[in-house]
Amino acid sequence: RKKGIPCIAYGVMTDPDGRPVAVSTYPGKTGDPATVLDQAVKLQKRFGLSRVILVADRGMLTNSQIKNLKDYPGIGWITAMKTFHLRGLVESGHLQMSLFDEMNLAEISSPDYPGERLVACFNPLLQGRRRVKRDSLIEATSEELKKLEREVASRTRKFLMKDEIGLKAGRKINKYKMAKHFILKIDDNHFSWSLRTESIEREAQLDGIYIVRTSEPVEDMSAEDTVRNYKRLTQVERVFRSMKGVDLIMDPIFLSREDHVTAHIFLCMLAYYIE
């Protein structure tokens, strides 16, 4: 919470019900994906498990991490697909909305993901939330651009130059991360904008759809159980909400020795177990 003070990263591993079973600390610059293989090997060796299935979000289990895990036959995984790759499945014809006519869940396959099972899910409630959120962010961005448009038009004596307008426009259009849905026209003493309707419509086609990826064969885990196990991540994330929130406020840590910091975090994990 103060500049110039060292940071740390810590990871908590839980069982399917959210109970913590292990905790690790890393240097603050360590990215989440870099801890995946370390945790998987720890599970196998420390707990003597012959088969481990890691469940992680799409930011943790990247494609490169999945490729690394394939070199370890005793380790399986479940994660979700990023929107960019999901759009690729739609454009290639492997994912179609007609799959959800009878059920909101369908198993598909693609040559781009050999040896994987892809479970496509459609959630009408999630569809509505995403649509409302996107519309509100587009509206907020539009208001910001209208202000800039009026500012440029009002400068009749000291004109705004192209570079200056570009800097202002960049800040405004990136404020809500909606730049992909807008077209900007910038020149000396001129600024105008319009919506990319085709971009908005293309993104809207994916509202409410997500795909769960797994290495597990269907005889070991059904499509329904695969999705159910992925959704259990919310129970794991409760650990961090508790440790960072009102239950157990872990930081700031007034310790300097590495073993003391590790012990502090271990005690916080035990406290969460009791909590």
Protein backbone atom coordinates (compact mmCIF):
# COMPACT_ATOMS: atom_id res chain seq x y z
CA ARG A 1 0.00 0.00 0.00
CA LYS A 2 3.04 2.27 -0.20
CA LYS A 3 5.36 3.04 -3.09
CA GLY A 4 8.85 1.61 -2.83
CA ILE A 5 7.85 -1.24 -0.52
CA PRO A 6 8.56 -4.80 -1.77
CA CYS A 7 5.56 -6.83 -2.94
CA ILE A 8 4.94 -10.55 -2.78
CA ALA A 9 2.67 -12.97 -4.58
CA TYR A 10 0.98 -15.84 -2.82
CA GLY A 11 -1.08 -18.73 -4.08
CA VAL A 12 -3.57 -20.90 -2.21
CA MET A 13 -4.60 -24.36 -3.33
CA THR A 14 -7.91 -25.79 -2.17
CA ASP A 15 -9.88 -29.01 -2.47
CA PRO A 16 -13.11 -29.11 -4.55
CA ASP A 17 -15.09 -27.74 -1.60
CA GLY A 18 -12.85 -24.70 -1.16
CA ARG A 19 -10.89 -25.89 1.88
CA PRO A 20 -7.23 -24.78 1.68
CA VAL A 21 -4.66 -27.58 1.56
CA ALA A 22 -1.47 -25.69 0.63
CA VAL A 23 -0.07 -22.19 0.27
CA SER A 24 3.03 -20.84 -1.48
CA THR A 25 4.76 -17.48 -1.65
CA TYR A 26 6.63 -16.03 -4.63
CA PRO A 27 8.48 -12.80 -5.49
CA GLY A 28 6.05 -10.00 -6.32
CA LYS A 29 7.00 -9.91 -9.99
CA THR A 30 5.93 -13.54 -10.50
CA GLY A 31 3.03 -13.90 -12.94
CA ASP A 32 0.17 -16.28 -12.19
CA PRO A 33 0.86 -18.62 -15.14
CA ALA A 34 4.44 -19.20 -13.93
CA THR A 35 3.17 -20.89 -10.75
CA VAL A 36 0.98 -23.52 -12.44
CA LEU A 37 3.53 -26.26 -13.05
CA ASP A 38 5.10 -25.71 -9.64
CA GLN A 39 1.74 -26.26 -7.96
CA ALA A 40 0.91 -29.32 -10.04
CA VAL A 41 4.21 -31.03 -9.25
CA LYS A 42 3.81 -30.12 -5.58
CA LEU A 43 0.42 -31.85 -5.48
CA GLN A 44 1.80 -35.03 -6.95
CA LYS A 45 4.96 -35.24 -4.85
CA ARG A 46 3.89 -33.77 -1.50
CA PHE A 47 0.51 -35.49 -1.34
CA GLY A 48 1.46 -38.68 -3.18
CA LEU A 49 -1.26 -38.41 -5.83
CA SER A 50 -1.10 -40.49 -9.00
CA ARG A 51 -3.60 -38.32 -10.90
CA VAL A 52 -4.12 -34.56 -10.56
CA ILE A 53 -6.67 -32.40 -12.39
CA LEU A 54 -5.95 -28.69 -12.12
CA VAL A 55 -8.88 -26.29 -12.50
CA ALA A 56 -7.85 -22.71 -13.29
CA ASP A 57 -9.24 -19.65 -15.04
CA ARG A 58 -8.23 -18.66 -18.57
CA GLY A 59 -5.62 -16.18 -17.33
CA MET A 60 -3.82 -18.83 -15.29
CA LEU A 61 -3.84 -21.72 -17.76
CA THR A 62 -2.55 -20.14 -20.95
CA ASN A 63 -1.94 -22.12 -24.14
CA SER A 64 1.78 -22.32 -23.37
CA GLN A 65 1.06 -23.67 -19.89
CA ILE A 66 -1.34 -26.26 -21.30
CA LYS A 67 1.38 -27.35 -23.72
CA ASN A 68 3.77 -27.79 -20.78
CA LEU A 69 1.24 -29.81 -18.79
CA LYS A 70 0.82 -32.24 -21.69
CA ASP A 71 4.39 -33.42 -21.00
CA TYR A 72 3.24 -34.67 -17.58
CA PRO A 73 0.95 -37.71 -18.08
CA GLY A 74 -0.29 -37.69 -14.49
CA ILE A 75 -1.63 -34.13 -14.68
CA GLY A 76 -4.93 -33.11 -16.29
CA TRP A 77 -6.62 -29.73 -16.46
CA ILE A 78 -9.87 -27.83 -16.87
CA THR A 79 -10.04 -24.19 -17.95
CA ALA A 80 -12.07 -21.81 -20.13
CA MET A 81 -11.40 -20.46 -23.61
CA LYS A 82 -10.59 -16.82 -24.23
CA THR A 83 -13.06 -14.77 -26.26
CA PHE A 84 -10.59 -14.31 -29.12
CA HIS A 85 -10.31 -18.08 -29.65
CA LEU A 86 -14.06 -18.52 -29.17
CA ARG A 87 -14.69 -16.13 -32.06
CA GLY A 88 -12.35 -18.24 -34.19
CA LEU A 89 -14.54 -21.31 -33.59
CA VAL A 90 -17.62 -19.34 -34.66
CA GLU A 91 -15.98 -18.10 -37.85
CA SER A 92 -14.73 -21.59 -38.73
CA GLY A 93 -18.23 -23.03 -38.29
CA HIS A 94 -17.36 -25.37 -35.41
CA LEU A 95 -19.59 -23.40 -33.02
CA GLN A 96 -23.14 -22.47 -34.05
CA MET A 97 -26.02 -21.04 -32.05
CA SER A 98 -28.28 -23.87 -33.30
CA LEU A 99 -26.38 -26.19 -30.95
CA PHE A 100 -28.26 -24.59 -28.07
CA ASP A 101 -31.77 -25.07 -29.48
CA GLU A 102 -32.59 -27.98 -27.17
CA MET A 103 -29.98 -27.61 -24.40
CA ASN A 104 -27.76 -24.82 -23.12
CA LEU A 105 -24.76 -27.16 -23.26
CA ALA A 106 -23.12 -28.90 -26.22
CA GLU A 107 -19.82 -30.72 -26.73
CA ILE A 108 -17.91 -29.76 -29.87
CA SER A 109 -14.52 -30.51 -31.41
CA SER A 110 -12.01 -28.60 -33.51
CA PRO A 111 -8.77 -29.59 -35.27
CA ASP A 112 -7.20 -26.51 -33.69
CA TYR A 113 -7.48 -28.21 -30.27
CA PRO A 114 -6.25 -31.79 -30.74
CA GLY A 115 -6.64 -34.10 -27.76
CA GLU A 116 -9.01 -31.69 -26.01
CA ARG A 117 -12.72 -31.75 -25.25
CA LEU A 118 -14.59 -28.48 -25.75
CA VAL A 119 -17.86 -27.97 -23.89
CA ALA A 120 -19.84 -24.98 -25.18
CA CYS A 121 -22.29 -23.38 -22.74
CA PHE A 122 -24.99 -20.75 -23.20
CA ASN A 123 -26.25 -18.73 -20.25
CA PRO A 124 -29.21 -16.38 -21.04
CA LEU A 125 -28.65 -14.43 -17.82
CA LEU A 126 -24.99 -13.88 -18.68
CA GLN A 127 -26.07 -12.84 -22.17
CA GLY A 128 -28.31 -10.12 -20.74
CA ARG A 129 -25.65 -8.85 -18.32
CA ARG A 130 -22.99 -8.61 -21.00
CA ARG A 131 -25.32 -6.78 -23.36
CA VAL A 132 -26.33 -4.25 -20.73
CA LYS A 133 -22.71 -3.70 -19.65
CA ARG A 134 -21.49 -3.21 -23.22
CA ASP A 135 -24.31 -0.79 -24.04
CA SER A 136 -23.58 1.26 -20.92
CA LEU A 137 -19.83 1.41 -21.65
CA ILE A 138 -20.44 2.41 -25.26
CA GLU A 139 -22.84 5.12 -24.10
CA ALA A 140 -20.32 6.42 -21.55
CA THR A 141 -17.55 6.46 -24.18
CA SER A 142 -19.86 8.26 -26.62
CA GLU A 143 -20.49 10.99 -24.05
CA GLU A 144 -16.74 11.46 -23.58
CA LEU A 145 -16.21 11.76 -27.34
CA LYS A 146 -19.10 14.23 -27.66
CA LYS A 147 -17.40 16.47 -25.09
CA LEU A 148 -14.18 16.40 -27.11
CA GLU A 149 -16.11 17.08 -30.32
CA ARG A 150 -17.70 20.18 -28.75
CA GLU A 151 -14.33 21.31 -27.37
CA VAL A 152 -12.65 21.12 -30.78
CA ALA A 153 -15.55 22.94 -32.47
CA SER A 154 -15.50 25.73 -29.88
CA ARG A 155 -11.82 26.59 -30.45
CA THR A 156 -12.30 29.31 -33.08
CA ARG A 157 -9.21 31.38 -32.22
CA LYS A 158 -6.54 28.98 -30.98
CA PHE A 159 -7.15 25.80 -32.94
CA LEU A 160 -6.41 22.36 -31.56
CA MET A 161 -3.83 20.59 -33.69
CA LYS A 162 -4.09 17.00 -34.88
CA ASP A 163 -1.56 15.56 -32.40
CA GLU A 164 -3.18 17.27 -29.42
CA ILE A 165 -6.64 16.07 -30.42
CA GLY A 166 -5.25 12.55 -30.88
CA LEU A 167 -3.88 12.49 -27.32
CA LYS A 168 -7.17 13.68 -25.87
CA ALA A 169 -9.16 11.22 -27.98
CA GLY A 170 -6.90 8.35 -26.96
CA ARG A 171 -7.47 8.98 -23.27
CA LYS A 172 -11.22 9.20 -23.72
CA ILE A 173 -11.73 6.21 -25.99
CA ASN A 174 -9.55 3.95 -23.82
CA LYS A 175 -11.17 5.05 -20.57
CA TYR A 176 -13.78 2.27 -20.75
CA LYS A 177 -11.77 -0.01 -23.13
CA MET A 178 -14.29 0.37 -25.96
CA ALA A 179 -11.90 1.59 -28.70
CA LYS A 180 -12.64 -1.44 -30.89
CA HIS A 181 -16.25 -0.26 -31.35
CA PHE A 182 -15.45 3.28 -32.56
CA ILE A 183 -14.08 4.97 -35.70
CA LEU A 184 -12.26 8.28 -35.14
CA LYS A 185 -11.49 10.94 -37.74
CA ILE A 186 -8.87 13.43 -36.59
CA ASP A 187 -7.31 16.42 -38.35
CA ASP A 188 -6.20 19.93 -37.42
CA ASN A 189 -9.20 21.64 -35.80
CA HIS A 190 -11.44 18.70 -36.71
CA PHE A 191 -12.70 15.71 -34.77
CA SER A 192 -15.59 13.36 -35.54
CA TRP A 193 -16.46 9.80 -34.66
CA SER A 194 -18.91 7.00 -35.43
CA LEU A 195 -19.77 3.54 -34.13
CA ARG A 196 -18.51 0.31 -35.66
CA THR A 197 -21.92 -1.36 -35.81
CA GLU A 198 -20.52 -4.51 -37.43
CA SER A 199 -18.03 -4.90 -34.56
CA ILE A 200 -20.77 -4.51 -31.96
CA GLU A 201 -23.03 -7.01 -33.73
CA ARG A 202 -20.19 -9.52 -34.09
CA GLU A 203 -19.39 -9.30 -30.38
CA ALA A 204 -23.08 -9.54 -29.45
CA GLN A 205 -23.25 -12.93 -31.18
CA LEU A 206 -21.03 -14.33 -28.44
CA ASP A 207 -22.96 -12.87 -25.51
CA GLY A 208 -23.76 -15.54 -22.95
CA ILE A 209 -21.50 -18.15 -24.58
CA TYR A 210 -18.41 -19.60 -22.97
CA ILE A 211 -16.39 -22.75 -23.65
CA VAL A 212 -14.79 -24.98 -21.06
CA ARG A 213 -11.68 -26.88 -22.21
CA THR A 214 -10.40 -30.06 -20.63
CA SER A 215 -7.93 -32.87 -21.13
CA GLU A 216 -10.17 -35.41 -19.38
CA PRO A 217 -11.83 -38.14 -21.47
CA VAL A 218 -15.63 -38.41 -21.45
CA GLU A 219 -15.53 -41.79 -19.69
CA ASP A 220 -13.82 -40.14 -16.70
CA MET A 221 -15.79 -36.89 -16.65
CA SER A 222 -19.06 -36.00 -18.36
CA ALA A 223 -19.63 -32.64 -20.05
CA GLU A 224 -21.92 -31.59 -17.20
CA ASP A 225 -19.33 -32.50 -14.54
CA THR A 226 -16.62 -30.67 -16.50
CA VAL A 227 -18.61 -27.43 -16.42
CA ARG A 228 -19.62 -28.00 -12.79
CA ASN A 229 -15.98 -28.44 -11.74
CA TYR A 230 -14.96 -25.27 -13.58
CA LYS A 231 -17.67 -23.27 -11.82
CA ARG A 232 -16.29 -24.46 -8.48
CA LEU A 233 -13.51 -21.92 -8.98
CA THR A 234 -15.79 -19.42 -7.22
CA GLN A 235 -15.22 -21.37 -4.01
CA VAL A 236 -11.46 -21.10 -4.45
CA GLU A 237 -11.69 -17.37 -5.12
CA ARG A 238 -13.52 -16.93 -1.84
CA VAL A 239 -10.15 -17.50 -0.14
CA PHE A 240 -8.70 -14.33 -1.66
CA ARG A 241 -11.83 -12.29 -1.01
CA SER A 242 -11.58 -13.28 2.64
CA MET A 243 -7.84 -12.67 2.96
CA LYS A 244 -7.99 -9.30 1.21
CA GLY A 245 -11.32 -8.19 2.65
CA VAL A 246 -12.97 -7.77 6.01
CA ASP A 247 -12.43 -11.31 7.37
CA LEU A 248 -8.65 -11.59 7.27
CA ILE A 249 -6.79 -8.49 6.15
CA MET A 250 -3.41 -9.97 5.27
CA ASP A 251 -1.61 -6.79 4.25
CA PRO A 252 0.32 -4.67 4.97
CA ILE A 253 2.87 -7.14 6.37
CA PHE A 254 5.26 -5.59 8.89
CA LEU A 255 7.92 -8.27 8.51
CA SER A 256 11.25 -8.32 6.67
CA ARG A 257 12.65 -11.86 6.88
CA GLU A 258 11.54 -14.25 4.16
CA ASP A 259 10.71 -17.09 6.56
CA HIS A 260 8.66 -14.72 8.75
CA VAL A 261 6.62 -13.53 5.76
CA THR A 262 5.99 -17.14 4.71
CA ALA A 263 4.93 -18.04 8.26
CA HIS A 264 2.56 -15.05 8.39
CA ILE A 265 0.81 -16.16 5.20
CA PHE A 266 0.65 -19.77 6.41
CA LEU A 267 -1.06 -18.61 9.62
CA CYS A 268 -3.54 -16.61 7.54
CA MET A 269 -4.36 -19.77 5.61
CA LEU A 270 -4.96 -21.68 8.85
CA ALA A 271 -7.16 -18.84 10.08
CA TYR A 272 -9.18 -19.00 6.88
CA TYR A 273 -9.59 -22.75 7.29
CA ILE A 274 -11.16 -22.14 10.70
CA GLU A 275 -13.20 -19.19 9.41
